[in-house]
């Protein structure tokens, strides 16, 4: 091997090593940033768990944060007895009512809002469509897609809504007797 070809080979190795080193440092920076985000998420999730523990056995639902109220409704629906005779109809809630001595307004339950939305349509609607419509009509409410699905399943369990499977989608309609 000539000295010229050895120098060219060494030059290529140096360039490749420098490029690899630069790429390595860039990836380290990306990972450090991702790790910082994960640490923030960890702290937030820890705070959520602490908050959930504080509200675990809370008796006065009107003082619960909105998201937890919706989850309590779903949890109670799953625990409710299957006998239809033991159920009673809840009064329709369409406008916020004043509760308590502090004058805090009480928002309608998510299930009531979803029933109203389902009642506006004759064709089956997906949980995503209903959530999108709910967010448009109630910008102050922001339930997660899972909370909307759980609440719709609660309405199905209560006999207020029907579930329809269309190919790979689950659609919901209001039962005729539940129309308002």
N, C-alpha and C. Protein backbone atom coordinates (compact mmCIF):
# COMPACT_ATOMS: atom_id res chain seq x y z
N UNK A 1 0.86 -1.17 0.00
CA UNK A 1 0.00 0.00 0.00
C UNK A 1 0.90 1.23 0.00
N UNK A 2 0.57 2.13 -0.86
CA UNK A 2 1.39 3.34 -0.97
C UNK A 2 1.04 4.30 0.15
N UNK A 3 1.93 5.23 0.40
CA UNK A 3 1.70 6.21 1.45
C UNK A 3 0.52 7.12 1.11
N UNK A 4 0.29 7.34 -0.18
CA UNK A 4 -0.82 8.17 -0.60
C UNK A 4 -2.16 7.48 -0.30
N UNK A 5 -2.26 6.19 -0.62
CA UNK A 5 -3.51 5.46 -0.35
C UNK A 5 -3.72 5.28 1.15
N UNK A 6 -2.63 5.12 1.92
CA UNK A 6 -2.74 5.01 3.38
C UNK A 6 -3.25 6.32 3.97
N UNK A 7 -2.78 7.43 3.45
CA UNK A 7 -3.23 8.74 3.94
C UNK A 7 -4.71 8.95 3.60
N UNK A 8 -5.12 8.54 2.40
CA UNK A 8 -6.53 8.69 2.00
C UNK A 8 -7.43 7.82 2.87
N UNK A 9 -6.96 6.59 3.14
CA UNK A 9 -7.73 5.68 3.98
C UNK A 9 -7.86 6.24 5.40
N UNK A 10 -6.74 6.72 5.94
CA UNK A 10 -6.75 7.32 7.27
C UNK A 10 -7.67 8.54 7.30
N UNK A 11 -7.67 9.35 6.27
CA UNK A 11 -8.53 10.53 6.18
C UNK A 11 -10.01 10.13 6.19
N UNK A 12 -10.36 9.07 5.44
CA UNK A 12 -11.74 8.59 5.44
C UNK A 12 -12.14 8.08 6.82
N UNK A 13 -11.24 7.35 7.48
CA UNK A 13 -11.53 6.86 8.83
C UNK A 13 -11.75 8.02 9.81
N UNK A 14 -10.93 9.04 9.71
CA UNK A 14 -11.05 10.21 10.59
C UNK A 14 -12.38 10.92 10.34
N UNK A 15 -12.73 11.12 9.06
CA UNK A 15 -14.01 11.75 8.72
C UNK A 15 -15.19 10.94 9.24
N UNK A 16 -15.12 9.60 9.05
CA UNK A 16 -16.21 8.72 9.49
C UNK A 16 -16.32 8.75 11.02
N UNK A 17 -15.19 8.71 11.70
CA UNK A 17 -15.20 8.73 13.16
C UNK A 17 -15.76 10.06 13.66
N UNK A 18 -15.38 11.16 13.03
CA UNK A 18 -15.89 12.48 13.43
C UNK A 18 -17.40 12.55 13.19
N UNK A 19 -17.85 12.04 12.07
CA UNK A 19 -19.28 12.03 11.76
C UNK A 19 -20.05 11.16 12.76
N UNK A 20 -19.50 9.97 13.06
CA UNK A 20 -20.14 9.07 14.04
C UNK A 20 -20.19 9.71 15.42
N UNK A 21 -19.11 10.40 15.81
CA UNK A 21 -19.07 11.06 17.10
C UNK A 21 -20.13 12.16 17.17
N UNK A 22 -20.25 12.94 16.10
CA UNK A 22 -21.26 14.00 16.05
C UNK A 22 -22.67 13.40 16.15
N UNK A 23 -22.93 12.32 15.43
CA UNK A 23 -24.24 11.64 15.48
C UNK A 23 -24.51 11.09 16.88
N UNK A 24 -23.48 10.52 17.51
CA UNK A 24 -23.62 9.99 18.85
C UNK A 24 -24.01 11.09 19.84
N UNK A 25 -23.35 12.23 19.75
CA UNK A 25 -23.65 13.34 20.65
C UNK A 25 -25.06 13.90 20.41
N UNK A 26 -25.47 13.95 19.13
CA UNK A 26 -26.83 14.41 18.80
C UNK A 26 -27.87 13.46 19.41
N UNK A 27 -27.64 12.16 19.29
CA UNK A 27 -28.58 11.18 19.86
C UNK A 27 -28.60 11.24 21.38
N UNK A 28 -27.42 11.47 21.98
CA UNK A 28 -27.37 11.63 23.44
C UNK A 28 -28.23 12.83 23.87
N UNK A 29 -28.14 13.93 23.13
CA UNK A 29 -28.92 15.13 23.44
C UNK A 29 -30.42 14.82 23.33
N UNK A 30 -30.82 14.13 22.25
CA UNK A 30 -32.23 13.76 22.08
C UNK A 30 -32.71 12.90 23.24
N UNK A 31 -31.89 11.92 23.63
CA UNK A 31 -32.27 11.04 24.73
C UNK A 31 -32.35 11.80 26.05
N UNK A 32 -31.44 12.75 26.26
CA UNK A 32 -31.47 13.55 27.48
C UNK A 32 -32.76 14.37 27.53
N UNK A 33 -33.16 14.95 26.38
CA UNK A 33 -34.41 15.71 26.33
C UNK A 33 -35.61 14.80 26.56
N UNK A 34 -35.60 13.62 25.97
CA UNK A 34 -36.70 12.67 26.15
C UNK A 34 -36.78 12.22 27.61
N UNK A 35 -35.61 12.00 28.21
CA UNK A 35 -35.56 11.60 29.62
C UNK A 35 -36.14 12.70 30.51
N UNK A 36 -35.85 13.96 30.20
CA UNK A 36 -36.41 15.07 30.98
C UNK A 36 -37.94 15.08 30.86
N UNK A 37 -38.46 14.84 29.66
CA UNK A 37 -39.91 14.79 29.47
C UNK A 37 -40.51 13.63 30.26
N UNK A 38 -39.86 12.48 30.21
CA UNK A 38 -40.35 11.32 30.96
C UNK A 38 -40.35 11.58 32.47
N UNK A 39 -39.34 12.28 32.95
CA UNK A 39 -39.30 12.62 34.38
C UNK A 39 -40.45 13.56 34.75
N UNK A 40 -40.75 14.51 33.86
CA UNK A 40 -41.89 15.40 34.11
C UNK A 40 -43.19 14.61 34.12
N UNK A 41 -43.35 13.69 33.18
CA UNK A 41 -44.55 12.86 33.13
C UNK A 41 -44.66 12.02 34.40
N UNK A 42 -43.53 11.48 34.85
CA UNK A 42 -43.52 10.68 36.07
C UNK A 42 -44.01 11.50 37.27
N UNK A 43 -43.51 12.72 37.37
CA UNK A 43 -43.93 13.59 38.48
C UNK A 43 -45.43 13.90 38.39
N UNK A 44 -45.90 14.18 37.18
CA UNK A 44 -47.32 14.46 36.99
C UNK A 44 -48.18 13.25 37.34
N UNK A 45 -47.78 12.07 36.89
CA UNK A 45 -48.54 10.86 37.20
C UNK A 45 -48.53 10.58 38.70
N UNK A 46 -47.42 10.85 39.35
CA UNK A 46 -47.37 10.69 40.81
C UNK A 46 -48.34 11.63 41.50
N UNK A 47 -48.42 12.88 41.01
CA UNK A 47 -49.37 13.84 41.58
C UNK A 47 -50.81 13.39 41.34
N UNK A 48 -51.08 12.83 40.16
CA UNK A 48 -52.43 12.33 39.86
C UNK A 48 -52.79 11.20 40.80
N UNK A 49 -51.85 10.29 41.04
CA UNK A 49 -52.13 9.18 41.97
C UNK A 49 -52.39 9.71 43.38
N UNK A 50 -51.61 10.69 43.82
CA UNK A 50 -51.84 11.27 45.14
C UNK A 50 -53.21 11.93 45.22
N UNK A 51 -53.58 12.63 44.16
CA UNK A 51 -54.88 13.28 44.11
C UNK A 51 -56.00 12.24 44.13
N UNK A 52 -55.82 11.18 43.37
CA UNK A 52 -56.83 10.11 43.33
C UNK A 52 -57.01 9.48 44.71
N UNK A 53 -55.92 9.32 45.44
CA UNK A 53 -56.01 8.75 46.79
C UNK A 53 -56.77 9.68 47.73
N UNK A 54 -56.56 10.99 47.56
CA UNK A 54 -57.26 11.95 48.42
C UNK A 54 -58.76 11.92 48.18
N UNK A 55 -59.18 11.70 46.93
CA UNK A 55 -60.60 11.71 46.59
C UNK A 55 -61.22 10.32 46.57
N UNK A 56 -60.47 9.31 46.98
CA UNK A 56 -60.90 7.91 46.87
C UNK A 56 -62.27 7.66 47.49
N UNK A 57 -62.48 8.00 48.72
CA UNK A 57 -63.74 7.72 49.37
C UNK A 57 -64.58 8.96 49.58
N UNK A 58 -64.45 9.92 48.73
CA UNK A 58 -65.10 11.22 48.89
C UNK A 58 -66.61 11.07 48.81
N UNK A 59 -67.35 11.54 49.79
CA UNK A 59 -68.80 11.38 49.83
C UNK A 59 -69.52 12.46 49.04
N UNK A 60 -69.03 13.68 49.06
CA UNK A 60 -69.72 14.79 48.39
C UNK A 60 -69.20 14.93 46.98
N UNK A 61 -69.92 14.34 46.02
CA UNK A 61 -69.46 14.32 44.63
C UNK A 61 -69.41 15.71 44.02
N UNK A 62 -70.18 16.64 44.53
CA UNK A 62 -70.18 17.97 43.93
C UNK A 62 -68.84 18.67 44.13
N UNK A 63 -68.04 18.20 45.08
CA UNK A 63 -66.73 18.82 45.32
C UNK A 63 -65.62 18.12 44.56
N UNK A 64 -65.94 17.02 43.84
CA UNK A 64 -64.93 16.32 43.06
C UNK A 64 -64.59 17.08 41.79
N UNK A 65 -63.38 16.98 41.32
CA UNK A 65 -63.07 17.55 40.01
C UNK A 65 -63.94 16.89 38.95
N UNK A 66 -64.24 17.59 37.87
CA UNK A 66 -65.15 17.12 36.84
C UNK A 66 -64.79 15.74 36.31
N UNK A 67 -63.54 15.51 36.00
CA UNK A 67 -63.12 14.22 35.43
C UNK A 67 -63.42 13.09 36.40
N UNK A 68 -63.14 13.28 37.69
CA UNK A 68 -63.39 12.23 38.66
C UNK A 68 -64.88 11.98 38.82
N UNK A 69 -65.72 13.00 38.70
CA UNK A 69 -67.17 12.80 38.79
C UNK A 69 -67.62 11.84 37.71
N UNK A 70 -67.14 12.04 36.48
CA UNK A 70 -67.52 11.17 35.38
C UNK A 70 -67.07 9.74 35.64
N UNK A 71 -65.87 9.57 36.17
CA UNK A 71 -65.37 8.23 36.44
C UNK A 71 -66.16 7.57 37.56
N UNK A 72 -66.60 8.33 38.56
CA UNK A 72 -67.42 7.78 39.64
C UNK A 72 -68.74 7.27 39.07
N UNK A 73 -69.33 8.01 38.15
CA UNK A 73 -70.59 7.60 37.52
C UNK A 73 -70.39 6.27 36.81
N UNK A 74 -69.30 6.13 36.05
CA UNK A 74 -69.04 4.90 35.33
C UNK A 74 -68.80 3.76 36.30
N UNK A 75 -68.02 4.00 37.34
CA UNK A 75 -67.73 2.96 38.31
C UNK A 75 -69.00 2.49 39.01
N UNK A 76 -69.87 3.42 39.37
CA UNK A 76 -71.13 3.04 40.02
C UNK A 76 -72.03 2.27 39.07
N UNK A 77 -72.02 2.63 37.80
CA UNK A 77 -72.85 1.92 36.83
C UNK A 77 -72.40 0.47 36.70
N UNK A 78 -71.10 0.24 36.76
CA UNK A 78 -70.59 -1.12 36.67
C UNK A 78 -70.93 -1.92 37.93
N UNK A 79 -71.05 -1.26 39.07
CA UNK A 79 -71.34 -1.94 40.32
C UNK A 79 -72.83 -2.09 40.56
N UNK A 80 -73.67 -1.39 39.79
CA UNK A 80 -75.12 -1.41 40.02
C UNK A 80 -75.68 -2.79 39.76
N UNK A 81 -76.74 -3.19 40.50
CA UNK A 81 -77.35 -4.50 40.29
C UNK A 81 -77.98 -4.57 38.91
N UNK A 82 -78.06 -5.78 38.37
CA UNK A 82 -78.56 -5.97 37.01
C UNK A 82 -80.08 -5.89 36.93
N UNK A 83 -80.77 -5.97 38.05
CA UNK A 83 -82.24 -5.96 38.02
C UNK A 83 -82.75 -4.60 37.56
N UNK A 84 -83.58 -4.61 36.53
CA UNK A 84 -84.08 -3.35 35.97
C UNK A 84 -85.06 -2.69 36.92
N UNK A 85 -85.74 -3.44 37.74
CA UNK A 85 -86.74 -2.88 38.64
C UNK A 85 -86.14 -2.01 39.72
N UNK A 86 -84.86 -2.21 40.03
CA UNK A 86 -84.25 -1.44 41.10
C UNK A 86 -83.70 -0.10 40.61
N UNK A 87 -83.71 0.10 39.31
CA UNK A 87 -83.20 1.37 38.77
C UNK A 87 -84.27 2.43 38.82
N UNK A 88 -83.83 3.64 38.99
CA UNK A 88 -84.78 4.74 38.90
C UNK A 88 -84.22 5.76 37.95
N UNK A 89 -85.11 6.43 37.28
CA UNK A 89 -84.69 7.41 36.30
C UNK A 89 -84.18 8.67 36.99
N UNK A 90 -83.06 9.15 36.55
CA UNK A 90 -82.52 10.40 37.08
C UNK A 90 -83.19 11.55 36.34
N UNK A 91 -83.46 12.65 37.01
CA UNK A 91 -84.06 13.78 36.32
C UNK A 91 -83.09 14.33 35.27
N UNK A 92 -83.66 14.80 34.19
CA UNK A 92 -82.84 15.36 33.12
C UNK A 92 -82.17 16.63 33.60
N UNK A 93 -80.88 16.73 33.31
CA UNK A 93 -80.13 17.93 33.71
C UNK A 93 -79.63 18.58 32.44
N UNK A 94 -80.16 19.70 32.12
CA UNK A 94 -79.74 20.36 30.89
C UNK A 94 -79.06 21.69 31.16
N UNK A 95 -79.38 22.33 32.24
CA UNK A 95 -78.76 23.62 32.55
C UNK A 95 -78.05 23.52 33.88
N UNK A 96 -76.92 24.20 34.03
CA UNK A 96 -76.23 24.16 35.31
C UNK A 96 -77.13 24.70 36.43
N UNK A 97 -77.13 23.98 37.53
CA UNK A 97 -77.93 24.41 38.68
C UNK A 97 -77.01 24.90 39.78
N UNK A 98 -77.46 25.87 40.54
CA UNK A 98 -76.68 26.38 41.67
C UNK A 98 -76.81 25.41 42.83
N UNK A 99 -75.67 25.04 43.41
CA UNK A 99 -75.69 24.14 44.55
C UNK A 99 -74.82 24.70 45.65
N UNK A 100 -75.11 24.31 46.86
CA UNK A 100 -74.29 24.70 47.99
C UNK A 100 -74.45 26.17 48.34
N UNK A 101 -73.77 26.54 49.40
CA UNK A 101 -73.87 27.92 49.86
C UNK A 101 -72.88 28.84 49.18
N UNK A 102 -71.89 28.26 48.52
CA UNK A 102 -70.87 29.08 47.87
C UNK A 102 -71.32 29.58 46.51
N UNK A 103 -72.44 29.05 45.98
CA UNK A 103 -72.93 29.51 44.70
C UNK A 103 -72.15 28.92 43.53
N UNK A 104 -71.50 27.76 43.74
CA UNK A 104 -70.78 27.12 42.64
C UNK A 104 -71.80 26.50 41.69
N UNK A 105 -71.56 26.62 40.40
CA UNK A 105 -72.49 26.02 39.45
C UNK A 105 -72.13 24.55 39.27
N UNK A 106 -73.17 23.74 39.11
CA UNK A 106 -73.00 22.31 38.94
C UNK A 106 -73.27 21.97 37.48
N UNK A 107 -72.32 21.35 36.82
CA UNK A 107 -72.47 21.01 35.42
C UNK A 107 -73.30 19.74 35.27
N UNK A 108 -73.99 19.61 34.13
CA UNK A 108 -74.74 18.37 33.88
C UNK A 108 -73.77 17.19 33.83
N UNK A 109 -74.27 16.02 34.17
CA UNK A 109 -73.45 14.83 34.12
C UNK A 109 -73.11 14.48 32.68
N UNK A 110 -71.96 13.88 32.48
CA UNK A 110 -71.52 13.51 31.14
C UNK A 110 -72.52 12.56 30.48
N UNK A 111 -73.06 11.64 31.25
CA UNK A 111 -74.05 10.70 30.70
C UNK A 111 -75.27 11.42 30.17
N UNK A 112 -75.74 12.45 30.89
CA UNK A 112 -76.90 13.22 30.44
C UNK A 112 -76.58 13.97 29.15
N UNK A 113 -75.38 14.54 29.07
CA UNK A 113 -74.99 15.26 27.86
C UNK A 113 -74.90 14.31 26.67
N UNK A 114 -74.33 13.12 26.89
CA UNK A 114 -74.21 12.15 25.80
C UNK A 114 -75.58 11.64 25.36
N UNK A 115 -76.49 11.46 26.32
CA UNK A 115 -77.86 11.05 25.96
C UNK A 115 -78.51 12.12 25.09
N UNK A 116 -78.33 13.39 25.46
CA UNK A 116 -78.90 14.47 24.66
C UNK A 116 -78.32 14.45 23.24
N UNK A 117 -77.00 14.25 23.13
CA UNK A 117 -76.37 14.20 21.81
C UNK A 117 -76.89 13.03 20.99
N UNK A 118 -77.01 11.86 21.63
CA UNK A 118 -77.53 10.70 20.92
C UNK A 118 -78.98 10.92 20.48
N UNK A 119 -79.75 11.64 21.31
CA UNK A 119 -81.14 11.92 20.98
C UNK A 119 -81.29 12.83 19.78
N UNK A 120 -80.26 13.58 19.45
CA UNK A 120 -80.31 14.48 18.29
C UNK A 120 -80.06 13.76 16.97
N UNK A 121 -79.69 12.48 17.03
CA UNK A 121 -79.35 11.74 15.82
C UNK A 121 -80.18 10.46 15.74
N UNK A 122 -80.62 10.14 14.53
CA UNK A 122 -81.34 8.90 14.32
C UNK A 122 -80.39 7.76 13.95
N UNK A 123 -79.24 8.12 13.38
CA UNK A 123 -78.29 7.10 12.95
C UNK A 123 -77.27 6.86 14.07
N UNK A 124 -76.68 5.66 14.09
CA UNK A 124 -75.67 5.36 15.11
C UNK A 124 -74.48 6.31 15.01
N UNK A 125 -73.88 6.62 16.16
CA UNK A 125 -72.74 7.53 16.24
C UNK A 125 -71.61 6.83 16.99
N UNK A 126 -70.38 7.11 16.58
CA UNK A 126 -69.22 6.55 17.28
C UNK A 126 -68.91 7.40 18.51
N UNK A 127 -68.15 6.82 19.43
CA UNK A 127 -67.75 7.55 20.63
C UNK A 127 -66.91 8.77 20.25
N UNK A 128 -66.07 8.63 19.21
CA UNK A 128 -65.25 9.76 18.77
C UNK A 128 -66.11 10.89 18.24
N UNK A 129 -67.12 10.56 17.43
CA UNK A 129 -68.01 11.59 16.89
C UNK A 129 -68.75 12.30 18.02
N UNK A 130 -69.22 11.51 18.98
CA UNK A 130 -69.95 12.10 20.11
C UNK A 130 -69.04 12.99 20.94
N UNK A 131 -67.79 12.54 21.17
CA UNK A 131 -66.86 13.36 21.94
C UNK A 131 -66.56 14.67 21.21
N UNK A 132 -66.33 14.58 19.89
CA UNK A 132 -66.06 15.80 19.11
C UNK A 132 -67.23 16.77 19.20
N UNK A 133 -68.44 16.25 19.09
CA UNK A 133 -69.64 17.09 19.17
C UNK A 133 -69.78 17.68 20.57
N UNK A 134 -69.48 16.87 21.58
CA UNK A 134 -69.55 17.34 22.97
C UNK A 134 -68.56 18.49 23.20
N UNK A 135 -67.34 18.35 22.68
CA UNK A 135 -66.33 19.40 22.86
C UNK A 135 -66.75 20.69 22.16
N UNK A 136 -67.42 20.58 21.01
CA UNK A 136 -67.89 21.78 20.31
C UNK A 136 -68.99 22.48 21.09
N UNK A 137 -69.93 21.69 21.64
CA UNK A 137 -71.05 22.29 22.35
C UNK A 137 -70.70 22.70 23.77
N UNK A 138 -69.72 22.05 24.36
CA UNK A 138 -69.34 22.32 25.75
C UNK A 138 -67.83 22.48 25.84
N UNK A 139 -67.29 23.61 25.40
CA UNK A 139 -65.83 23.76 25.38
C UNK A 139 -65.20 23.72 26.77
N UNK A 140 -65.99 23.92 27.81
CA UNK A 140 -65.46 23.87 29.17
C UNK A 140 -65.27 22.43 29.65
N UNK A 141 -65.85 21.47 28.95
CA UNK A 141 -65.72 20.06 29.31
C UNK A 141 -64.68 19.44 28.39
N UNK A 142 -63.83 18.59 28.94
CA UNK A 142 -62.82 17.93 28.13
C UNK A 142 -62.58 16.51 28.64
N UNK A 143 -63.61 15.64 28.56
CA UNK A 143 -63.40 14.27 29.01
C UNK A 143 -62.49 13.53 28.02
N UNK A 144 -61.72 12.60 28.52
CA UNK A 144 -60.86 11.82 27.65
C UNK A 144 -61.72 10.89 26.79
N UNK A 145 -61.19 10.43 25.66
CA UNK A 145 -61.95 9.47 24.84
C UNK A 145 -62.36 8.24 25.64
N UNK A 146 -61.50 7.78 26.54
CA UNK A 146 -61.83 6.60 27.34
C UNK A 146 -63.00 6.87 28.28
N UNK A 147 -63.05 8.05 28.88
CA UNK A 147 -64.15 8.40 29.76
C UNK A 147 -65.47 8.45 28.98
N UNK A 148 -65.42 8.98 27.75
CA UNK A 148 -66.62 9.01 26.91
C UNK A 148 -67.08 7.59 26.60
N UNK A 149 -66.14 6.71 26.21
CA UNK A 149 -66.50 5.31 25.91
C UNK A 149 -67.07 4.63 27.14
N UNK A 150 -66.43 4.84 28.30
CA UNK A 150 -66.92 4.22 29.53
C UNK A 150 -68.33 4.71 29.87
N UNK A 151 -68.57 6.00 29.69
CA UNK A 151 -69.88 6.55 29.99
C UNK A 151 -70.93 6.00 29.02
N UNK A 152 -70.57 5.88 27.75
CA UNK A 152 -71.49 5.28 26.78
C UNK A 152 -71.79 3.82 27.14
N UNK A 153 -70.78 3.09 27.55
CA UNK A 153 -71.00 1.70 27.97
C UNK A 153 -71.88 1.65 29.23
N UNK A 154 -71.75 2.65 30.08
CA UNK A 154 -72.62 2.74 31.25
C UNK A 154 -74.07 2.95 30.82
N UNK A 155 -74.28 3.79 29.81
CA UNK A 155 -75.64 4.00 29.30
C UNK A 155 -76.19 2.72 28.68
N UNK A 156 -75.33 1.94 28.01
CA UNK A 156 -75.75 0.65 27.45
C UNK A 156 -76.14 -0.29 28.59
N UNK A 157 -75.32 -0.32 29.64
CA UNK A 157 -75.61 -1.19 30.78
C UNK A 157 -76.92 -0.82 31.46
N UNK A 158 -77.26 0.45 31.47
CA UNK A 158 -78.50 0.92 32.08
C UNK A 158 -79.70 0.73 31.17
N UNK A 159 -79.44 0.38 29.90
CA UNK A 159 -80.54 0.21 28.96
C UNK A 159 -80.98 1.51 28.31
N UNK A 160 -80.21 2.58 28.46
CA UNK A 160 -80.55 3.87 27.87
C UNK A 160 -80.02 4.01 26.45
N UNK A 161 -79.00 3.22 26.11
CA UNK A 161 -78.39 3.29 24.79
C UNK A 161 -78.15 1.87 24.29
N UNK A 162 -77.99 1.77 22.97
CA UNK A 162 -77.67 0.48 22.36
C UNK A 162 -76.31 0.57 21.68
N UNK A 163 -75.59 -0.54 21.71
CA UNK A 163 -74.29 -0.64 21.06
C UNK A 163 -74.50 -1.38 19.75
N UNK A 164 -73.92 -0.88 18.67
CA UNK A 164 -73.98 -1.52 17.36
C UNK A 164 -72.55 -1.69 16.87
N UNK A 165 -72.22 -2.88 16.41
CA UNK A 165 -70.89 -3.10 15.84
C UNK A 165 -71.02 -3.07 14.33
N UNK A 166 -70.29 -2.17 13.70
CA UNK A 166 -70.27 -2.05 12.25
C UNK A 166 -68.84 -2.25 11.80
N UNK A 167 -68.56 -3.40 11.21
CA UNK A 167 -67.21 -3.83 10.83
C UNK A 167 -66.33 -3.79 12.07
N UNK A 168 -65.36 -2.88 12.11
CA UNK A 168 -64.46 -2.80 13.27
C UNK A 168 -64.80 -1.64 14.17
N UNK A 169 -65.93 -1.00 13.95
CA UNK A 169 -66.32 0.17 14.74
C UNK A 169 -67.47 -0.16 15.68
N UNK A 170 -67.48 0.52 16.80
CA UNK A 170 -68.59 0.41 17.74
C UNK A 170 -69.37 1.72 17.67
N UNK A 171 -70.66 1.61 17.44
CA UNK A 171 -71.53 2.78 17.29
C UNK A 171 -72.61 2.70 18.37
N UNK A 172 -73.18 3.86 18.70
CA UNK A 172 -74.18 3.93 19.76
C UNK A 172 -75.41 4.69 19.27
N UNK A 173 -76.58 4.24 19.74
CA UNK A 173 -77.83 4.97 19.52
C UNK A 173 -78.58 5.01 20.83
N UNK A 174 -79.46 5.97 20.93
CA UNK A 174 -80.30 6.09 22.12
C UNK A 174 -81.48 5.14 21.98
N UNK A 175 -81.83 4.45 23.04
CA UNK A 175 -82.99 3.57 23.05
C UNK A 175 -84.22 4.45 22.94
N UNK A 176 -85.22 4.02 22.19
CA UNK A 176 -86.41 4.84 21.92
C UNK A 176 -87.08 5.32 23.21
N UNK A 177 -87.15 4.47 24.23
CA UNK A 177 -87.81 4.87 25.48
C UNK A 177 -87.00 5.90 26.26
N UNK A 178 -85.72 6.05 25.93
CA UNK A 178 -84.87 7.03 26.64
C UNK A 178 -84.83 8.37 25.95
N UNK A 179 -85.48 8.50 24.79
CA UNK A 179 -85.47 9.78 24.06
C UNK A 179 -86.21 10.82 24.86
N UNK A 180 -85.67 12.04 24.83
CA UNK A 180 -86.26 13.13 25.62
C UNK A 180 -87.02 14.06 24.74
